[in-house]
N, C-alpha and C. Protein backbone atom coordinates (compact mmCIF):
# COMPACT_ATOMS: atom_id res chain seq x y z
N HIS A 1 -20.85 -46.10 -26.06
CA HIS A 1 -21.18 -46.59 -27.40
C HIS A 1 -22.37 -45.82 -27.93
N GLU A 2 -22.34 -45.56 -29.22
CA GLU A 2 -23.48 -44.93 -29.87
C GLU A 2 -24.00 -45.87 -30.92
N GLY A 3 -25.32 -45.97 -31.01
CA GLY A 3 -25.93 -46.83 -32.02
C GLY A 3 -27.39 -47.04 -31.71
N PHE A 4 -27.92 -48.09 -32.29
CA PHE A 4 -29.33 -48.42 -32.13
C PHE A 4 -29.46 -49.65 -31.24
N VAL A 5 -30.38 -49.60 -30.30
CA VAL A 5 -30.66 -50.77 -29.47
C VAL A 5 -31.41 -51.76 -30.34
N ARG A 6 -30.83 -52.94 -30.51
CA ARG A 6 -31.44 -53.95 -31.36
C ARG A 6 -32.18 -55.02 -30.57
N ARG A 7 -31.70 -55.30 -29.34
CA ARG A 7 -32.33 -56.35 -28.56
C ARG A 7 -32.05 -56.11 -27.09
N ILE A 8 -33.08 -56.28 -26.26
CA ILE A 8 -32.92 -56.21 -24.81
C ILE A 8 -33.25 -57.59 -24.25
N ASN A 9 -32.26 -58.23 -23.65
CA ASN A 9 -32.45 -59.55 -23.05
C ASN A 9 -32.43 -59.41 -21.53
N ILE A 10 -32.57 -60.51 -20.84
CA ILE A 10 -32.60 -60.50 -19.38
C ILE A 10 -31.30 -59.98 -18.80
N ARG A 11 -30.15 -60.39 -19.36
CA ARG A 11 -28.85 -60.05 -18.78
C ARG A 11 -28.08 -58.99 -19.55
N ALA A 12 -28.39 -58.80 -20.82
CA ALA A 12 -27.60 -57.88 -21.63
C ALA A 12 -28.46 -57.22 -22.70
N THR A 13 -27.96 -56.10 -23.20
CA THR A 13 -28.62 -55.37 -24.28
C THR A 13 -27.67 -55.31 -25.47
N GLU A 14 -28.20 -55.56 -26.66
CA GLU A 14 -27.38 -55.53 -27.87
C GLU A 14 -27.57 -54.18 -28.57
N ILE A 15 -26.43 -53.51 -28.80
CA ILE A 15 -26.43 -52.22 -29.49
C ILE A 15 -25.70 -52.39 -30.81
N GLU A 16 -26.32 -51.93 -31.89
CA GLU A 16 -25.65 -51.92 -33.19
C GLU A 16 -25.11 -50.52 -33.41
N THR A 17 -23.77 -50.40 -33.51
CA THR A 17 -23.14 -49.09 -33.69
C THR A 17 -23.36 -48.60 -35.11
N PHE A 18 -22.99 -47.35 -35.34
CA PHE A 18 -23.14 -46.77 -36.68
C PHE A 18 -22.15 -47.38 -37.66
N GLN A 19 -21.16 -48.10 -37.14
CA GLN A 19 -20.21 -48.82 -37.99
C GLN A 19 -20.68 -50.25 -38.25
N ARG A 20 -21.90 -50.57 -37.86
CA ARG A 20 -22.52 -51.88 -38.03
C ARG A 20 -21.85 -52.97 -37.19
N THR A 21 -21.34 -52.58 -36.02
CA THR A 21 -20.74 -53.51 -35.08
C THR A 21 -21.73 -53.74 -33.95
N SER A 22 -21.87 -55.00 -33.54
CA SER A 22 -22.75 -55.31 -32.40
C SER A 22 -21.95 -55.22 -31.11
N VAL A 23 -22.50 -54.51 -30.14
CA VAL A 23 -21.89 -54.40 -28.82
C VAL A 23 -22.89 -54.96 -27.83
N ILE A 24 -22.43 -55.94 -27.04
CA ILE A 24 -23.28 -56.54 -26.02
C ILE A 24 -22.93 -55.87 -24.69
N VAL A 25 -23.89 -55.17 -24.09
CA VAL A 25 -23.65 -54.44 -22.85
C VAL A 25 -24.43 -55.12 -21.73
N PRO A 26 -23.74 -55.53 -20.66
CA PRO A 26 -24.46 -56.11 -19.52
C PRO A 26 -25.46 -55.08 -18.96
N ASN A 27 -26.64 -55.53 -18.65
CA ASN A 27 -27.66 -54.61 -18.15
C ASN A 27 -27.26 -53.94 -16.84
N SER A 28 -26.35 -54.54 -16.09
CA SER A 28 -25.89 -53.92 -14.84
C SER A 28 -25.22 -52.57 -15.11
N VAL A 29 -24.63 -52.42 -16.30
CA VAL A 29 -24.00 -51.14 -16.66
C VAL A 29 -25.04 -50.02 -16.69
N PHE A 30 -26.23 -50.35 -17.17
CA PHE A 30 -27.28 -49.34 -17.26
C PHE A 30 -27.79 -48.92 -15.88
N LEU A 31 -27.65 -49.81 -14.90
CA LEU A 31 -28.09 -49.49 -13.55
C LEU A 31 -27.07 -48.62 -12.81
N GLN A 32 -25.80 -48.70 -13.22
CA GLN A 32 -24.72 -48.00 -12.51
C GLN A 32 -24.28 -46.71 -13.18
N ASN A 33 -24.65 -46.51 -14.44
CA ASN A 33 -24.15 -45.35 -15.19
C ASN A 33 -25.30 -44.63 -15.88
N PRO A 34 -25.12 -43.33 -16.13
CA PRO A 34 -26.14 -42.60 -16.89
C PRO A 34 -26.22 -43.12 -18.32
N VAL A 35 -27.40 -43.09 -18.87
CA VAL A 35 -27.63 -43.52 -20.25
C VAL A 35 -28.13 -42.31 -21.04
N ILE A 36 -27.49 -42.06 -22.18
CA ILE A 36 -27.94 -40.97 -23.05
C ILE A 36 -28.70 -41.61 -24.20
N ASN A 37 -29.96 -41.25 -24.33
CA ASN A 37 -30.79 -41.77 -25.41
C ASN A 37 -31.19 -40.60 -26.28
N ARG A 38 -30.57 -40.50 -27.44
CA ARG A 38 -30.80 -39.35 -28.31
C ARG A 38 -32.17 -39.36 -28.97
N THR A 39 -32.85 -40.49 -28.99
CA THR A 39 -34.14 -40.57 -29.67
C THR A 39 -35.27 -41.03 -28.75
N TYR A 40 -35.10 -40.90 -27.46
CA TYR A 40 -36.11 -41.37 -26.50
C TYR A 40 -37.46 -40.71 -26.73
N SER A 41 -37.46 -39.38 -26.80
CA SER A 41 -38.73 -38.67 -26.99
C SER A 41 -38.79 -37.91 -28.30
N ASP A 42 -37.67 -37.92 -29.04
CA ASP A 42 -37.59 -37.12 -30.27
C ASP A 42 -36.48 -37.69 -31.14
N THR A 43 -36.74 -37.87 -32.41
CA THR A 43 -35.72 -38.44 -33.30
C THR A 43 -34.78 -37.39 -33.89
N SER A 44 -35.03 -36.12 -33.60
CA SER A 44 -34.15 -35.08 -34.15
C SER A 44 -32.80 -35.11 -33.44
N SER A 45 -31.82 -34.50 -34.07
CA SER A 45 -30.48 -34.51 -33.51
C SER A 45 -29.76 -33.23 -33.92
N ARG A 46 -28.77 -32.84 -33.11
CA ARG A 46 -28.01 -31.62 -33.39
C ARG A 46 -26.66 -31.97 -33.98
N ILE A 47 -26.22 -31.16 -34.94
CA ILE A 47 -24.90 -31.27 -35.55
C ILE A 47 -24.12 -30.03 -35.14
N ASP A 48 -22.90 -30.23 -34.65
CA ASP A 48 -22.03 -29.13 -34.24
C ASP A 48 -20.89 -29.02 -35.24
N ILE A 49 -20.70 -27.84 -35.81
CA ILE A 49 -19.61 -27.62 -36.76
C ILE A 49 -18.77 -26.45 -36.25
N PRO A 50 -17.57 -26.75 -35.72
CA PRO A 50 -16.66 -25.67 -35.29
C PRO A 50 -15.83 -25.18 -36.48
N LEU A 51 -15.55 -23.89 -36.53
CA LEU A 51 -14.74 -23.30 -37.60
C LEU A 51 -13.82 -22.23 -37.04
N THR A 52 -12.64 -22.12 -37.60
CA THR A 52 -11.73 -21.04 -37.26
C THR A 52 -11.35 -20.34 -38.56
N VAL A 53 -11.47 -19.03 -38.56
CA VAL A 53 -11.10 -18.23 -39.74
C VAL A 53 -10.08 -17.18 -39.31
N GLY A 54 -9.49 -16.52 -40.29
CA GLY A 54 -8.45 -15.53 -40.03
C GLY A 54 -8.92 -14.37 -39.18
N LEU A 55 -7.96 -13.76 -38.50
CA LEU A 55 -8.27 -12.65 -37.59
C LEU A 55 -8.91 -11.45 -38.29
N GLY A 56 -8.64 -11.26 -39.57
CA GLY A 56 -9.18 -10.11 -40.29
C GLY A 56 -10.58 -10.30 -40.82
N THR A 57 -11.20 -11.43 -40.53
CA THR A 57 -12.54 -11.74 -41.06
C THR A 57 -13.60 -10.88 -40.38
N ASP A 58 -14.52 -10.36 -41.19
CA ASP A 58 -15.65 -9.59 -40.69
C ASP A 58 -16.60 -10.54 -39.96
N VAL A 59 -16.80 -10.32 -38.67
CA VAL A 59 -17.59 -11.24 -37.83
C VAL A 59 -19.04 -11.32 -38.32
N ALA A 60 -19.66 -10.20 -38.59
CA ALA A 60 -21.06 -10.19 -39.04
C ALA A 60 -21.21 -10.92 -40.37
N LYS A 61 -20.26 -10.72 -41.27
CA LYS A 61 -20.30 -11.41 -42.57
C LYS A 61 -20.16 -12.91 -42.36
N MET A 62 -19.27 -13.33 -41.49
CA MET A 62 -19.06 -14.74 -41.23
C MET A 62 -20.32 -15.36 -40.61
N GLU A 63 -20.92 -14.67 -39.67
CA GLU A 63 -22.16 -15.18 -39.07
C GLU A 63 -23.26 -15.34 -40.13
N GLY A 64 -23.34 -14.39 -41.04
CA GLY A 64 -24.33 -14.47 -42.12
C GLY A 64 -24.08 -15.65 -43.05
N ILE A 65 -22.82 -15.88 -43.39
CA ILE A 65 -22.47 -17.02 -44.26
C ILE A 65 -22.86 -18.34 -43.60
N LEU A 66 -22.54 -18.47 -42.33
CA LEU A 66 -22.88 -19.71 -41.61
C LEU A 66 -24.39 -19.93 -41.58
N ARG A 67 -25.13 -18.89 -41.25
CA ARG A 67 -26.59 -18.99 -41.15
C ARG A 67 -27.21 -19.30 -42.53
N GLU A 68 -26.79 -18.57 -43.57
CA GLU A 68 -27.34 -18.78 -44.92
C GLU A 68 -27.05 -20.18 -45.44
N THR A 69 -25.83 -20.65 -45.21
CA THR A 69 -25.45 -21.98 -45.68
C THR A 69 -26.29 -23.05 -44.98
N ALA A 70 -26.50 -22.89 -43.69
CA ALA A 70 -27.31 -23.85 -42.95
C ALA A 70 -28.75 -23.86 -43.46
N LEU A 71 -29.33 -22.70 -43.63
CA LEU A 71 -30.73 -22.62 -44.05
C LEU A 71 -30.93 -23.06 -45.50
N ALA A 72 -29.87 -23.07 -46.30
CA ALA A 72 -29.98 -23.50 -47.69
C ALA A 72 -30.09 -25.02 -47.80
N HIS A 73 -29.75 -25.74 -46.76
CA HIS A 73 -29.80 -27.21 -46.81
C HIS A 73 -31.22 -27.69 -46.50
N SER A 74 -31.75 -28.54 -47.35
CA SER A 74 -33.15 -28.97 -47.21
C SER A 74 -33.40 -29.82 -45.97
N ARG A 75 -32.40 -30.50 -45.44
CA ARG A 75 -32.62 -31.36 -44.28
C ARG A 75 -32.37 -30.66 -42.94
N VAL A 76 -31.92 -29.41 -42.99
CA VAL A 76 -31.72 -28.66 -41.75
C VAL A 76 -33.07 -28.11 -41.31
N LEU A 77 -33.43 -28.39 -40.06
CA LEU A 77 -34.72 -27.94 -39.55
C LEU A 77 -34.74 -26.43 -39.34
N ARG A 78 -35.92 -25.84 -39.51
CA ARG A 78 -36.10 -24.41 -39.26
C ARG A 78 -36.53 -24.17 -37.82
N VAL A 79 -37.07 -25.21 -37.18
CA VAL A 79 -37.46 -25.15 -35.78
C VAL A 79 -36.88 -26.38 -35.10
N PRO A 80 -35.92 -26.23 -34.23
CA PRO A 80 -35.28 -24.98 -33.85
C PRO A 80 -34.37 -24.46 -34.96
N MET A 81 -34.23 -23.16 -34.99
CA MET A 81 -33.40 -22.49 -36.00
C MET A 81 -31.92 -22.83 -35.79
N PRO A 82 -31.14 -22.79 -36.87
CA PRO A 82 -29.68 -22.95 -36.70
C PRO A 82 -29.14 -21.86 -35.76
N ILE A 83 -28.13 -22.22 -35.01
CA ILE A 83 -27.52 -21.30 -34.06
C ILE A 83 -26.08 -21.03 -34.51
N VAL A 84 -25.71 -19.77 -34.57
CA VAL A 84 -24.35 -19.37 -34.90
C VAL A 84 -23.76 -18.68 -33.69
N ARG A 85 -22.57 -19.13 -33.29
CA ARG A 85 -21.89 -18.54 -32.13
C ARG A 85 -20.51 -18.06 -32.53
N PHE A 86 -20.20 -16.83 -32.18
CA PHE A 86 -18.82 -16.33 -32.27
C PHE A 86 -18.22 -16.64 -30.91
N VAL A 87 -17.36 -17.64 -30.86
CA VAL A 87 -16.91 -18.20 -29.58
C VAL A 87 -15.81 -17.39 -28.93
N ARG A 88 -14.73 -17.12 -29.70
CA ARG A 88 -13.58 -16.44 -29.07
C ARG A 88 -12.62 -15.94 -30.14
N VAL A 89 -11.75 -15.04 -29.68
CA VAL A 89 -10.63 -14.57 -30.49
C VAL A 89 -9.39 -15.26 -29.95
N THR A 90 -8.62 -15.90 -30.82
CA THR A 90 -7.38 -16.56 -30.42
C THR A 90 -6.22 -15.90 -31.16
N PRO A 91 -5.00 -16.18 -30.78
CA PRO A 91 -3.86 -15.61 -31.50
C PRO A 91 -3.81 -16.02 -32.98
N THR A 92 -4.47 -17.15 -33.32
CA THR A 92 -4.40 -17.64 -34.70
C THR A 92 -5.66 -17.39 -35.51
N GLY A 93 -6.76 -16.95 -34.88
CA GLY A 93 -7.97 -16.73 -35.65
C GLY A 93 -9.19 -16.49 -34.80
N LEU A 94 -10.35 -16.46 -35.47
CA LEU A 94 -11.64 -16.27 -34.83
C LEU A 94 -12.37 -17.61 -34.84
N ASP A 95 -12.82 -18.07 -33.68
CA ASP A 95 -13.51 -19.35 -33.57
C ASP A 95 -15.02 -19.14 -33.61
N PHE A 96 -15.69 -19.91 -34.46
CA PHE A 96 -17.14 -19.89 -34.58
C PHE A 96 -17.67 -21.31 -34.38
N GLU A 97 -18.95 -21.42 -34.04
CA GLU A 97 -19.64 -22.70 -34.00
C GLU A 97 -20.98 -22.54 -34.70
N LEU A 98 -21.32 -23.55 -35.48
CA LEU A 98 -22.63 -23.62 -36.12
C LEU A 98 -23.33 -24.85 -35.57
N PHE A 99 -24.54 -24.66 -35.03
CA PHE A 99 -25.35 -25.76 -34.54
C PHE A 99 -26.59 -25.82 -35.42
N VAL A 100 -26.82 -26.99 -36.01
CA VAL A 100 -28.04 -27.19 -36.80
C VAL A 100 -28.73 -28.45 -36.31
N PHE A 101 -30.01 -28.52 -36.57
CA PHE A 101 -30.80 -29.67 -36.14
C PHE A 101 -31.37 -30.38 -37.35
N VAL A 102 -31.38 -31.70 -37.30
CA VAL A 102 -31.95 -32.52 -38.37
C VAL A 102 -33.05 -33.38 -37.77
N ALA A 103 -34.00 -33.79 -38.60
CA ALA A 103 -35.15 -34.53 -38.11
C ALA A 103 -34.80 -35.95 -37.68
N ARG A 104 -33.84 -36.54 -38.36
CA ARG A 104 -33.50 -37.94 -38.05
C ARG A 104 -32.03 -38.06 -37.69
N LEU A 105 -31.75 -38.84 -36.68
CA LEU A 105 -30.38 -39.09 -36.23
C LEU A 105 -29.50 -39.58 -37.38
N GLU A 106 -30.07 -40.40 -38.25
CA GLU A 106 -29.30 -40.97 -39.37
C GLU A 106 -28.85 -39.91 -40.38
N ASP A 107 -29.46 -38.73 -40.37
CA ASP A 107 -29.11 -37.67 -41.31
C ASP A 107 -27.86 -36.89 -40.90
N ARG A 108 -27.39 -37.08 -39.69
CA ARG A 108 -26.28 -36.28 -39.16
C ARG A 108 -25.04 -36.32 -40.05
N THR A 109 -24.60 -37.50 -40.44
CA THR A 109 -23.36 -37.63 -41.20
C THR A 109 -23.47 -36.97 -42.57
N VAL A 110 -24.56 -37.23 -43.27
CA VAL A 110 -24.74 -36.67 -44.61
C VAL A 110 -24.85 -35.15 -44.56
N VAL A 111 -25.63 -34.64 -43.64
CA VAL A 111 -25.83 -33.20 -43.54
C VAL A 111 -24.53 -32.50 -43.11
N ALA A 112 -23.80 -33.07 -42.16
CA ALA A 112 -22.53 -32.48 -41.74
C ALA A 112 -21.56 -32.42 -42.92
N ASN A 113 -21.50 -33.48 -43.71
CA ASN A 113 -20.63 -33.49 -44.89
C ASN A 113 -21.06 -32.42 -45.89
N ASP A 114 -22.35 -32.36 -46.17
CA ASP A 114 -22.87 -31.36 -47.12
C ASP A 114 -22.57 -29.94 -46.65
N LEU A 115 -22.78 -29.68 -45.37
CA LEU A 115 -22.55 -28.33 -44.85
C LEU A 115 -21.06 -27.97 -44.88
N ASN A 116 -20.20 -28.91 -44.54
CA ASN A 116 -18.76 -28.63 -44.61
C ASN A 116 -18.33 -28.30 -46.03
N ARG A 117 -18.82 -29.04 -47.00
CA ARG A 117 -18.48 -28.78 -48.41
C ARG A 117 -19.01 -27.42 -48.86
N ALA A 118 -20.27 -27.13 -48.51
CA ALA A 118 -20.88 -25.86 -48.90
C ALA A 118 -20.18 -24.68 -48.22
N LEU A 119 -19.83 -24.84 -46.95
CA LEU A 119 -19.13 -23.76 -46.25
C LEU A 119 -17.75 -23.52 -46.84
N LEU A 120 -17.03 -24.57 -47.15
CA LEU A 120 -15.71 -24.40 -47.75
C LEU A 120 -15.82 -23.66 -49.07
N ALA A 121 -16.75 -24.06 -49.92
CA ALA A 121 -16.93 -23.39 -51.22
C ALA A 121 -17.27 -21.92 -51.02
N ARG A 122 -18.15 -21.63 -50.10
CA ARG A 122 -18.57 -20.24 -49.86
C ARG A 122 -17.42 -19.41 -49.28
N LEU A 123 -16.64 -19.99 -48.36
CA LEU A 123 -15.52 -19.25 -47.76
C LEU A 123 -14.41 -19.00 -48.78
N ILE A 124 -14.22 -19.91 -49.71
CA ILE A 124 -13.26 -19.69 -50.80
C ILE A 124 -13.79 -18.60 -51.72
N GLU A 125 -15.07 -18.68 -52.06
CA GLU A 125 -15.69 -17.68 -52.95
C GLU A 125 -15.60 -16.27 -52.37
N GLU A 126 -15.79 -16.16 -51.06
CA GLU A 126 -15.76 -14.86 -50.38
C GLU A 126 -14.34 -14.43 -50.01
N LYS A 127 -13.35 -15.26 -50.38
CA LYS A 127 -11.93 -14.99 -50.12
C LYS A 127 -11.61 -14.90 -48.63
N ILE A 128 -12.37 -15.66 -47.83
CA ILE A 128 -12.10 -15.75 -46.40
C ILE A 128 -11.08 -16.86 -46.16
N VAL A 129 -11.14 -17.89 -46.99
CA VAL A 129 -10.21 -19.01 -46.92
C VAL A 129 -9.45 -19.07 -48.24
N ASP A 130 -8.13 -19.25 -48.16
CA ASP A 130 -7.29 -19.38 -49.34
C ASP A 130 -7.07 -20.87 -49.61
N PRO A 131 -7.53 -21.37 -50.76
CA PRO A 131 -7.42 -22.81 -51.03
C PRO A 131 -6.00 -23.27 -51.37
N ARG A 132 -5.10 -22.32 -51.61
CA ARG A 132 -3.73 -22.72 -51.95
C ARG A 132 -3.03 -23.27 -50.72
N PRO A 133 -2.13 -24.22 -50.91
CA PRO A 133 -1.42 -24.76 -49.74
C PRO A 133 -0.57 -23.68 -49.07
N ALA A 134 -0.48 -23.77 -47.77
CA ALA A 134 0.33 -22.81 -47.01
C ALA A 134 1.80 -23.11 -47.24
N ALA A 135 2.61 -22.06 -47.18
CA ALA A 135 4.06 -22.24 -47.32
C ALA A 135 4.57 -23.10 -46.18
N GLU A 136 5.52 -23.95 -46.49
CA GLU A 136 6.06 -24.85 -45.48
C GLU A 136 7.54 -24.56 -45.32
N PHE A 137 7.96 -24.42 -44.09
CA PHE A 137 9.37 -24.19 -43.79
C PHE A 137 9.91 -25.41 -43.05
N ARG A 138 11.07 -25.87 -43.50
CA ARG A 138 11.71 -27.00 -42.84
C ARG A 138 13.07 -26.55 -42.33
N LEU A 139 13.30 -26.82 -41.08
CA LEU A 139 14.58 -26.49 -40.48
C LEU A 139 15.41 -27.76 -40.41
N ARG A 140 16.62 -27.67 -40.97
CA ARG A 140 17.52 -28.82 -40.93
C ARG A 140 18.67 -28.53 -39.98
N ASP A 141 19.29 -29.58 -39.54
CA ASP A 141 20.48 -29.48 -38.71
C ASP A 141 20.23 -28.73 -37.40
N LEU A 142 19.07 -28.93 -36.81
CA LEU A 142 18.77 -28.28 -35.54
C LEU A 142 19.73 -28.73 -34.45
N ASP A 143 20.21 -29.98 -34.53
CA ASP A 143 21.15 -30.45 -33.51
C ASP A 143 22.48 -29.71 -33.61
N MET A 144 22.88 -29.36 -34.83
CA MET A 144 24.12 -28.59 -34.99
C MET A 144 23.96 -27.17 -34.44
N ILE A 145 22.79 -26.58 -34.65
CA ILE A 145 22.52 -25.24 -34.14
C ILE A 145 22.52 -25.26 -32.61
N ALA A 146 21.89 -26.29 -32.04
CA ALA A 146 21.84 -26.41 -30.58
C ALA A 146 23.24 -26.59 -30.01
N ASP A 147 24.09 -27.40 -30.67
CA ASP A 147 25.47 -27.58 -30.22
C ASP A 147 26.24 -26.26 -30.27
N ALA A 148 26.04 -25.52 -31.35
CA ALA A 148 26.74 -24.24 -31.50
C ALA A 148 26.31 -23.27 -30.40
N LEU A 149 25.02 -23.26 -30.08
CA LEU A 149 24.54 -22.38 -29.02
C LEU A 149 25.09 -22.80 -27.67
N ARG A 150 25.19 -24.10 -27.43
CA ARG A 150 25.76 -24.57 -26.16
C ARG A 150 27.24 -24.20 -26.06
N ARG A 151 27.98 -24.36 -27.15
CA ARG A 151 29.40 -24.00 -27.16
C ARG A 151 29.58 -22.52 -26.92
N ASP A 152 28.66 -21.74 -27.46
CA ASP A 152 28.72 -20.29 -27.34
C ASP A 152 28.27 -19.84 -25.95
N GLY A 153 27.68 -20.72 -25.18
CA GLY A 153 27.21 -20.36 -23.84
C GLY A 153 25.91 -19.59 -23.85
N GLY A 154 25.23 -19.56 -24.99
CA GLY A 154 23.95 -18.87 -25.07
C GLY A 154 24.08 -17.36 -25.14
N ARG A 155 25.31 -16.85 -25.39
CA ARG A 155 25.49 -15.40 -25.49
C ARG A 155 24.87 -14.88 -26.77
N ASP A 156 24.40 -13.64 -26.73
CA ASP A 156 23.85 -13.02 -27.92
C ASP A 156 24.94 -12.64 -28.90
N ASP A 157 26.09 -12.26 -28.41
CA ASP A 157 27.18 -11.81 -29.27
C ASP A 157 28.26 -12.88 -29.29
N ALA A 158 28.34 -13.64 -30.38
CA ALA A 158 29.29 -14.74 -30.48
C ALA A 158 30.72 -14.24 -30.51
N ALA A 159 30.94 -12.99 -30.87
CA ALA A 159 32.29 -12.47 -31.01
C ALA A 159 32.83 -11.98 -29.66
N ALA A 160 32.02 -11.95 -28.64
CA ALA A 160 32.48 -11.45 -27.34
C ALA A 160 33.53 -12.41 -26.77
N PRO A 161 34.55 -11.88 -26.11
CA PRO A 161 35.59 -12.73 -25.54
C PRO A 161 35.03 -13.58 -24.41
N PRO A 162 35.58 -14.79 -24.21
CA PRO A 162 35.09 -15.63 -23.13
C PRO A 162 35.31 -14.96 -21.78
N GLN A 163 34.37 -15.19 -20.89
CA GLN A 163 34.48 -14.59 -19.55
C GLN A 163 35.37 -15.46 -18.69
N ARG A 164 36.15 -14.81 -17.77
CA ARG A 164 37.05 -15.55 -16.88
C ARG A 164 36.59 -15.46 -15.47
């Protein structure tokens, strides 16, 4: 569960989630499992934004766009600086990650939304992303095609005489 600790009692701890739901956790759980406290010594938090762009995208240009967009946001911390990673090349595109830090845990959702909107606008402007819907192909009667292939025995040449 993620949220704010609202009350610690003798037997249980009450956590208020970011959806404003109260979760009562028996204290024995804390003794048996690791606890992640994002604000124990520091209220800052990291936002991770993964992106995939087309294979023809200029990597240096993409890294610059990610870095500039992050630094343009007033709530993104300069220390530590935003981190841009070119993660991998896949058959469908180039994977990048943008890591930014905000001063308050509560800022994560707003800043992530703002950065996603700004990145989309910039990628459209730079013609890296095409905002038009992708063409959609629908195949009908696949069961009929499968039956025909089974009847044909999977041969490449349907006109070939049957084997004896």
